[in-house]
Amino acid sequence: MMKLADLSVGQEIGSRAIEVSRADLVRYAGASGDFNPIHWNERFAREVELPGVIAHGMFTMGAAVQLVTDWAGDPAAVVGYQTRFTKPVPVDDADPGAVIEVTGVIGALDAAASTARVDLTVSAGGQKVLVKAQALVRVG
């Protein structure tokens, strides 16, 4: 387990590019039960004035926090996670259909609570798709 004393505000915990395909969205729909046609039907998505098929918001949120759980080494160390959705993630019918870019930085440390707040920057296609994405991680 990482030590609070080894962390500093502004320290980057890592970054990654997450490739997303329409097959990923179909698998997520099956796992989550969210079969809204905006996540798989191009014609329907365009009819409701979207740029095309878009990723589920919770898929995007979950994919982004994976950076933090991998860094922490234990998913149970993440004791809180919040974000605001700002833009959809269009997923083209190509491979990959989209790439979600995630970078994590230590935003705050709380010695009394033994926690670190990790601030995530999450973008796709050069636009931020999540803002105020913050994970609270228990550290030693």
N, C-alpha and C. Protein backbone atom coordinates (compact mmCIF):
# COMPACT_ATOMS: atom_id res chain seq x y z
N MET A 1 0.85 -1.19 0.00
CA MET A 1 0.00 0.00 0.00
C MET A 1 0.89 1.24 0.00
N MET A 2 0.47 2.23 -0.76
CA MET A 2 1.25 3.47 -0.82
C MET A 2 1.14 4.23 0.49
N LYS A 3 2.12 5.04 0.76
CA LYS A 3 2.17 5.82 2.00
C LYS A 3 1.82 7.28 1.69
N LEU A 4 1.06 7.88 2.58
CA LEU A 4 0.68 9.29 2.44
C LEU A 4 1.92 10.17 2.33
N ALA A 5 2.95 9.85 3.10
CA ALA A 5 4.19 10.65 3.11
C ALA A 5 4.90 10.65 1.76
N ASP A 6 4.63 9.64 0.93
CA ASP A 6 5.27 9.55 -0.39
C ASP A 6 4.52 10.30 -1.48
N LEU A 7 3.38 10.90 -1.13
CA LEU A 7 2.54 11.58 -2.11
C LEU A 7 2.63 13.08 -1.93
N SER A 8 2.40 13.81 -3.02
CA SER A 8 2.38 15.27 -2.95
C SER A 8 1.31 15.81 -3.89
N VAL A 9 0.73 16.94 -3.50
CA VAL A 9 -0.28 17.58 -4.34
C VAL A 9 0.38 17.98 -5.66
N GLY A 10 -0.30 17.67 -6.75
CA GLY A 10 0.23 17.95 -8.08
C GLY A 10 0.94 16.77 -8.72
N GLN A 11 1.21 15.73 -7.93
CA GLN A 11 1.89 14.54 -8.43
C GLN A 11 0.97 13.78 -9.38
N GLU A 12 1.47 13.43 -10.56
CA GLU A 12 0.69 12.64 -11.51
C GLU A 12 0.74 11.17 -11.12
N ILE A 13 -0.42 10.51 -11.13
CA ILE A 13 -0.45 9.08 -10.80
C ILE A 13 -0.38 8.23 -12.07
N GLY A 14 -0.57 8.84 -13.22
CA GLY A 14 -0.52 8.10 -14.48
C GLY A 14 -1.51 8.63 -15.49
N SER A 15 -1.45 8.04 -16.67
CA SER A 15 -2.40 8.38 -17.72
C SER A 15 -2.57 7.16 -18.61
N ARG A 16 -3.67 7.15 -19.34
CA ARG A 16 -3.89 6.06 -20.28
C ARG A 16 -4.89 6.47 -21.35
N ALA A 17 -4.81 5.77 -22.45
CA ALA A 17 -5.77 5.93 -23.54
C ALA A 17 -6.60 4.65 -23.58
N ILE A 18 -7.91 4.81 -23.51
CA ILE A 18 -8.82 3.66 -23.49
C ILE A 18 -9.55 3.60 -24.82
N GLU A 19 -9.29 2.55 -25.58
CA GLU A 19 -9.97 2.37 -26.86
C GLU A 19 -11.34 1.77 -26.61
N VAL A 20 -12.36 2.35 -27.28
CA VAL A 20 -13.74 1.91 -27.09
C VAL A 20 -14.32 1.53 -28.45
N SER A 21 -14.94 0.37 -28.50
CA SER A 21 -15.61 -0.07 -29.73
C SER A 21 -17.11 -0.19 -29.48
N ARG A 22 -17.85 -0.32 -30.54
CA ARG A 22 -19.29 -0.53 -30.37
C ARG A 22 -19.55 -1.87 -29.69
N ALA A 23 -18.68 -2.85 -29.91
CA ALA A 23 -18.84 -4.14 -29.22
C ALA A 23 -18.72 -3.94 -27.71
N ASP A 24 -17.83 -3.03 -27.27
CA ASP A 24 -17.72 -2.72 -25.84
C ASP A 24 -19.04 -2.19 -25.31
N LEU A 25 -19.71 -1.35 -26.10
CA LEU A 25 -20.98 -0.77 -25.67
C LEU A 25 -22.06 -1.83 -25.57
N VAL A 26 -22.06 -2.79 -26.50
CA VAL A 26 -23.04 -3.88 -26.46
C VAL A 26 -22.81 -4.73 -25.21
N ARG A 27 -21.54 -5.04 -24.92
CA ARG A 27 -21.24 -5.82 -23.71
C ARG A 27 -21.66 -5.06 -22.46
N TYR A 28 -21.39 -3.74 -22.43
CA TYR A 28 -21.77 -2.94 -21.27
C TYR A 28 -23.30 -2.90 -21.13
N ALA A 29 -24.01 -2.76 -22.24
CA ALA A 29 -25.47 -2.74 -22.20
C ALA A 29 -26.00 -4.03 -21.58
N GLY A 30 -25.42 -5.16 -21.96
CA GLY A 30 -25.84 -6.44 -21.40
C GLY A 30 -25.56 -6.54 -19.92
N ALA A 31 -24.40 -6.04 -19.50
CA ALA A 31 -24.02 -6.11 -18.08
C ALA A 31 -24.84 -5.15 -17.23
N SER A 32 -25.15 -3.97 -17.78
CA SER A 32 -25.83 -2.94 -16.99
C SER A 32 -27.34 -2.97 -17.14
N GLY A 33 -27.82 -3.57 -18.22
CA GLY A 33 -29.26 -3.56 -18.49
C GLY A 33 -29.72 -2.28 -19.16
N ASP A 34 -28.78 -1.42 -19.56
CA ASP A 34 -29.11 -0.15 -20.22
C ASP A 34 -29.06 -0.35 -21.74
N PHE A 35 -30.21 -0.66 -22.33
CA PHE A 35 -30.29 -0.91 -23.77
C PHE A 35 -30.86 0.28 -24.54
N ASN A 36 -30.69 1.49 -24.00
CA ASN A 36 -31.15 2.68 -24.71
C ASN A 36 -30.54 2.68 -26.11
N PRO A 37 -31.36 2.84 -27.16
CA PRO A 37 -30.84 2.74 -28.53
C PRO A 37 -29.80 3.81 -28.91
N ILE A 38 -29.65 4.87 -28.12
CA ILE A 38 -28.60 5.85 -28.43
C ILE A 38 -27.21 5.24 -28.28
N HIS A 39 -27.12 4.08 -27.62
CA HIS A 39 -25.84 3.43 -27.39
C HIS A 39 -25.53 2.33 -28.40
N TRP A 40 -26.45 2.10 -29.37
CA TRP A 40 -26.18 1.05 -30.35
C TRP A 40 -26.82 1.28 -31.72
N ASN A 41 -27.78 2.19 -31.82
CA ASN A 41 -28.51 2.39 -33.08
C ASN A 41 -28.18 3.77 -33.67
N GLU A 42 -27.38 3.78 -34.71
CA GLU A 42 -26.93 5.03 -35.35
C GLU A 42 -28.11 5.90 -35.80
N ARG A 43 -29.07 5.30 -36.50
CA ARG A 43 -30.22 6.05 -37.00
C ARG A 43 -30.98 6.71 -35.86
N PHE A 44 -31.28 5.96 -34.82
CA PHE A 44 -32.02 6.50 -33.68
C PHE A 44 -31.24 7.63 -33.01
N ALA A 45 -29.94 7.42 -32.79
CA ALA A 45 -29.12 8.44 -32.13
C ALA A 45 -29.15 9.74 -32.92
N ARG A 46 -29.04 9.67 -34.23
CA ARG A 46 -29.08 10.88 -35.06
C ARG A 46 -30.47 11.52 -35.04
N GLU A 47 -31.52 10.72 -34.99
CA GLU A 47 -32.89 11.26 -34.93
C GLU A 47 -33.12 12.08 -33.67
N VAL A 48 -32.42 11.76 -32.59
CA VAL A 48 -32.57 12.53 -31.36
C VAL A 48 -31.45 13.57 -31.23
N GLU A 49 -30.84 13.91 -32.37
CA GLU A 49 -29.88 15.00 -32.51
C GLU A 49 -28.55 14.77 -31.79
N LEU A 50 -28.16 13.51 -31.69
CA LEU A 50 -26.81 13.19 -31.22
C LEU A 50 -25.91 13.04 -32.45
N PRO A 51 -24.60 13.11 -32.25
CA PRO A 51 -23.68 12.99 -33.39
C PRO A 51 -23.60 11.57 -33.94
N GLY A 52 -24.25 10.64 -33.29
CA GLY A 52 -24.23 9.22 -33.64
C GLY A 52 -24.30 8.43 -32.35
N VAL A 53 -23.96 7.16 -32.42
CA VAL A 53 -23.96 6.30 -31.24
C VAL A 53 -22.99 6.89 -30.22
N ILE A 54 -23.42 6.92 -28.95
CA ILE A 54 -22.55 7.45 -27.88
C ILE A 54 -22.37 6.40 -26.79
N ALA A 55 -21.24 6.49 -26.10
CA ALA A 55 -20.96 5.60 -24.97
C ALA A 55 -21.88 5.93 -23.81
N HIS A 56 -22.21 4.93 -23.04
CA HIS A 56 -22.97 5.12 -21.80
C HIS A 56 -22.15 6.03 -20.87
N GLY A 57 -22.80 6.96 -20.21
CA GLY A 57 -22.09 7.82 -19.26
C GLY A 57 -21.41 7.02 -18.16
N MET A 58 -22.09 6.02 -17.65
CA MET A 58 -21.51 5.22 -16.57
C MET A 58 -20.36 4.35 -17.08
N PHE A 59 -20.40 3.96 -18.35
CA PHE A 59 -19.26 3.24 -18.94
C PHE A 59 -18.04 4.15 -18.93
N THR A 60 -18.23 5.39 -19.37
CA THR A 60 -17.13 6.36 -19.42
C THR A 60 -16.59 6.62 -18.01
N MET A 61 -17.50 6.82 -17.07
CA MET A 61 -17.10 7.08 -15.68
C MET A 61 -16.31 5.90 -15.11
N GLY A 62 -16.79 4.69 -15.35
CA GLY A 62 -16.10 3.50 -14.86
C GLY A 62 -14.76 3.27 -15.53
N ALA A 63 -14.69 3.52 -16.83
CA ALA A 63 -13.42 3.35 -17.54
C ALA A 63 -12.38 4.33 -17.00
N ALA A 64 -12.81 5.55 -16.70
CA ALA A 64 -11.88 6.58 -16.21
C ALA A 64 -11.32 6.23 -14.83
N VAL A 65 -12.16 5.74 -13.93
CA VAL A 65 -11.70 5.47 -12.56
C VAL A 65 -10.80 4.24 -12.49
N GLN A 66 -10.78 3.44 -13.54
CA GLN A 66 -9.89 2.27 -13.55
C GLN A 66 -8.43 2.69 -13.36
N LEU A 67 -8.07 3.87 -13.87
CA LEU A 67 -6.71 4.38 -13.66
C LEU A 67 -6.40 4.48 -12.16
N VAL A 68 -7.37 4.95 -11.39
CA VAL A 68 -7.18 5.13 -9.95
C VAL A 68 -7.13 3.79 -9.23
N THR A 69 -8.02 2.87 -9.58
CA THR A 69 -8.02 1.57 -8.90
C THR A 69 -6.73 0.81 -9.20
N ASP A 70 -6.23 0.92 -10.42
CA ASP A 70 -4.96 0.26 -10.76
C ASP A 70 -3.82 0.89 -9.96
N TRP A 71 -3.81 2.21 -9.86
CA TRP A 71 -2.77 2.92 -9.11
C TRP A 71 -2.82 2.54 -7.63
N ALA A 72 -4.03 2.49 -7.08
CA ALA A 72 -4.19 2.18 -5.65
C ALA A 72 -3.85 0.72 -5.36
N GLY A 73 -4.00 -0.15 -6.35
CA GLY A 73 -3.70 -1.56 -6.15
C GLY A 73 -4.80 -2.35 -5.49
N ASP A 74 -5.90 -1.67 -5.14
CA ASP A 74 -7.01 -2.32 -4.47
C ASP A 74 -8.26 -1.49 -4.73
N PRO A 75 -9.24 -2.02 -5.48
CA PRO A 75 -10.45 -1.24 -5.75
C PRO A 75 -11.16 -0.77 -4.49
N ALA A 76 -11.04 -1.52 -3.39
CA ALA A 76 -11.70 -1.13 -2.13
C ALA A 76 -11.06 0.09 -1.50
N ALA A 77 -9.86 0.47 -1.96
CA ALA A 77 -9.21 1.67 -1.43
C ALA A 77 -9.91 2.94 -1.93
N VAL A 78 -10.65 2.83 -3.02
CA VAL A 78 -11.40 3.99 -3.54
C VAL A 78 -12.68 4.07 -2.72
N VAL A 79 -12.74 5.08 -1.84
CA VAL A 79 -13.88 5.19 -0.92
C VAL A 79 -14.92 6.20 -1.38
N GLY A 80 -14.62 6.92 -2.47
CA GLY A 80 -15.58 7.86 -3.03
C GLY A 80 -15.19 8.23 -4.44
N TYR A 81 -16.20 8.55 -5.25
CA TYR A 81 -15.94 8.93 -6.65
C TYR A 81 -17.11 9.75 -7.12
N GLN A 82 -16.80 10.89 -7.74
CA GLN A 82 -17.86 11.75 -8.26
C GLN A 82 -17.38 12.41 -9.54
N THR A 83 -18.34 12.83 -10.36
CA THR A 83 -18.03 13.55 -11.58
C THR A 83 -19.28 14.24 -12.10
N ARG A 84 -19.06 15.08 -13.10
CA ARG A 84 -20.16 15.67 -13.87
C ARG A 84 -19.92 15.32 -15.33
N PHE A 85 -20.97 14.93 -16.00
CA PHE A 85 -20.90 14.61 -17.42
C PHE A 85 -21.09 15.90 -18.21
N THR A 86 -20.17 16.17 -19.15
CA THR A 86 -20.28 17.42 -19.90
C THR A 86 -20.52 17.23 -21.39
N LYS A 87 -19.95 16.20 -21.97
CA LYS A 87 -20.11 15.94 -23.40
C LYS A 87 -20.23 14.44 -23.59
N PRO A 88 -21.00 14.03 -24.61
CA PRO A 88 -21.07 12.60 -24.91
C PRO A 88 -19.78 12.13 -25.59
N VAL A 89 -19.55 10.83 -25.53
CA VAL A 89 -18.42 10.22 -26.22
C VAL A 89 -18.97 9.48 -27.44
N PRO A 90 -18.87 10.11 -28.64
CA PRO A 90 -19.33 9.42 -29.86
C PRO A 90 -18.42 8.23 -30.14
N VAL A 91 -19.04 7.11 -30.52
CA VAL A 91 -18.29 5.90 -30.83
C VAL A 91 -18.62 5.52 -32.27
N ASP A 92 -17.66 5.77 -33.16
CA ASP A 92 -17.84 5.47 -34.58
C ASP A 92 -17.89 3.97 -34.80
N ASP A 93 -18.37 3.58 -35.97
CA ASP A 93 -18.39 2.18 -36.35
C ASP A 93 -17.05 1.83 -37.00
N ALA A 94 -16.00 1.94 -36.22
CA ALA A 94 -14.63 1.66 -36.66
C ALA A 94 -13.94 0.97 -35.50
N ASP A 95 -12.69 0.64 -35.66
CA ASP A 95 -11.96 0.01 -34.57
C ASP A 95 -10.66 0.76 -34.34
N PRO A 96 -10.45 1.53 -33.28
CA PRO A 96 -11.47 1.77 -32.26
C PRO A 96 -12.46 2.85 -32.72
N GLY A 97 -13.62 2.83 -32.12
CA GLY A 97 -14.64 3.82 -32.45
C GLY A 97 -14.43 5.13 -31.71
N ALA A 98 -13.71 5.07 -30.59
CA ALA A 98 -13.40 6.26 -29.80
C ALA A 98 -12.19 5.94 -28.93
N VAL A 99 -11.52 6.99 -28.49
CA VAL A 99 -10.42 6.85 -27.53
C VAL A 99 -10.69 7.83 -26.39
N ILE A 100 -10.76 7.31 -25.18
CA ILE A 100 -10.94 8.14 -24.00
C ILE A 100 -9.57 8.32 -23.36
N GLU A 101 -9.15 9.57 -23.19
CA GLU A 101 -7.85 9.89 -22.59
C GLU A 101 -8.07 10.26 -21.12
N VAL A 102 -7.31 9.62 -20.23
CA VAL A 102 -7.47 9.86 -18.79
C VAL A 102 -6.10 10.15 -18.17
N THR A 103 -6.04 11.21 -17.38
CA THR A 103 -4.84 11.54 -16.60
C THR A 103 -5.28 11.81 -15.17
N GLY A 104 -4.50 11.29 -14.22
CA GLY A 104 -4.82 11.49 -12.80
C GLY A 104 -3.71 12.23 -12.09
N VAL A 105 -4.11 13.18 -11.23
CA VAL A 105 -3.17 14.00 -10.46
C VAL A 105 -3.68 14.07 -9.03
N ILE A 106 -2.76 14.01 -8.06
CA ILE A 106 -3.15 14.20 -6.66
C ILE A 106 -3.61 15.65 -6.49
N GLY A 107 -4.87 15.81 -6.09
CA GLY A 107 -5.44 17.14 -5.93
C GLY A 107 -5.43 17.64 -4.49
N ALA A 108 -5.45 16.70 -3.54
CA ALA A 108 -5.44 17.07 -2.12
C ALA A 108 -5.05 15.85 -1.30
N LEU A 109 -4.46 16.13 -0.14
CA LEU A 109 -4.09 15.09 0.82
C LEU A 109 -4.70 15.43 2.17
N ASP A 110 -5.23 14.44 2.86
CA ASP A 110 -5.82 14.64 4.18
C ASP A 110 -5.16 13.65 5.14
N ALA A 111 -4.18 14.14 5.91
CA ALA A 111 -3.43 13.27 6.83
C ALA A 111 -4.34 12.71 7.91
N ALA A 112 -5.28 13.51 8.41
CA ALA A 112 -6.16 13.06 9.49
C ALA A 112 -7.04 11.88 9.04
N ALA A 113 -7.48 11.92 7.80
CA ALA A 113 -8.35 10.86 7.29
C ALA A 113 -7.57 9.78 6.53
N SER A 114 -6.27 10.01 6.32
CA SER A 114 -5.42 9.10 5.53
C SER A 114 -5.99 8.88 4.13
N THR A 115 -6.33 10.00 3.47
CA THR A 115 -6.88 9.91 2.12
C THR A 115 -6.15 10.86 1.17
N ALA A 116 -6.20 10.48 -0.09
CA ALA A 116 -5.72 11.33 -1.18
C ALA A 116 -6.87 11.53 -2.14
N ARG A 117 -7.07 12.77 -2.59
CA ARG A 117 -8.06 13.03 -3.63
C ARG A 117 -7.32 13.04 -4.95
N VAL A 118 -7.78 12.20 -5.87
CA VAL A 118 -7.20 12.15 -7.20
C VAL A 118 -8.15 12.86 -8.16
N ASP A 119 -7.63 13.88 -8.83
CA ASP A 119 -8.40 14.62 -9.82
C ASP A 119 -8.11 14.03 -11.19
N LEU A 120 -9.16 13.67 -11.91
CA LEU A 120 -9.02 13.07 -13.23
C LEU A 120 -9.37 14.07 -14.33
N THR A 121 -8.56 14.10 -15.36
CA THR A 121 -8.88 14.82 -16.59
C THR A 121 -9.28 13.76 -17.59
N VAL A 122 -10.51 13.86 -18.10
CA VAL A 122 -11.06 12.83 -18.98
C VAL A 122 -11.56 13.50 -20.26
N SER A 123 -11.00 13.10 -21.40
CA SER A 123 -11.39 13.71 -22.66
C SER A 123 -11.50 12.66 -23.76
N ALA A 124 -12.21 13.04 -24.79
CA ALA A 124 -12.35 12.21 -26.00
C ALA A 124 -12.47 13.17 -27.17
N GLY A 125 -11.76 12.89 -28.22
CA GLY A 125 -11.82 13.76 -29.39
C GLY A 125 -11.38 15.17 -29.09
N GLY A 126 -10.49 15.35 -28.12
CA GLY A 126 -9.98 16.67 -27.78
C GLY A 126 -10.90 17.50 -26.92
N GLN A 127 -12.02 16.92 -26.46
CA GLN A 127 -12.95 17.66 -25.60
C GLN A 127 -13.11 16.95 -24.27
N LYS A 128 -13.19 17.75 -23.20
CA LYS A 128 -13.43 17.15 -21.88
C LYS A 128 -14.84 16.57 -21.86
N VAL A 129 -14.93 15.31 -21.44
CA VAL A 129 -16.23 14.64 -21.39
C VAL A 129 -16.73 14.46 -19.95
N LEU A 130 -15.81 14.54 -18.99
CA LEU A 130 -16.16 14.55 -17.57
C LEU A 130 -15.43 15.73 -16.95
N VAL A 131 -16.07 16.42 -16.02
CA VAL A 131 -15.40 17.47 -15.26
C VAL A 131 -15.64 17.22 -13.79
N LYS A 132 -14.76 17.79 -12.97
CA LYS A 132 -14.82 17.57 -11.52
C LYS A 132 -14.84 16.08 -11.21
N ALA A 133 -14.10 15.31 -12.01
CA ALA A 133 -13.98 13.87 -11.75
C ALA A 133 -12.94 13.70 -10.65
N GLN A 134 -13.40 13.26 -9.50
CA GLN A 134 -12.52 13.15 -8.33
C GLN A 134 -12.78 11.82 -7.61
N ALA A 135 -11.68 11.13 -7.30
CA ALA A 135 -11.76 9.89 -6.54
C ALA A 135 -11.07 10.10 -5.20
N LEU A 136 -11.67 9.62 -4.15
CA LEU A 136 -11.09 9.70 -2.82
C LEU A 136 -10.52 8.32 -2.49
N VAL A 137 -9.21 8.28 -2.20
CA VAL A 137 -8.52 7.01 -2.02
C VAL A 137 -7.92 6.94 -0.61
N ARG A 138 -8.17 5.81 0.05
CA ARG A 138 -7.57 5.56 1.37
C ARG A 138 -6.13 5.15 1.15
N VAL A 139 -5.20 5.80 1.85
CA VAL A 139 -3.77 5.47 1.75
C VAL A 139 -3.21 5.24 3.14
N GLY A 140 -2.02 4.61 3.19
CA GLY A 140 -1.41 4.29 4.49
C GLY A 140 -0.70 5.45 5.11
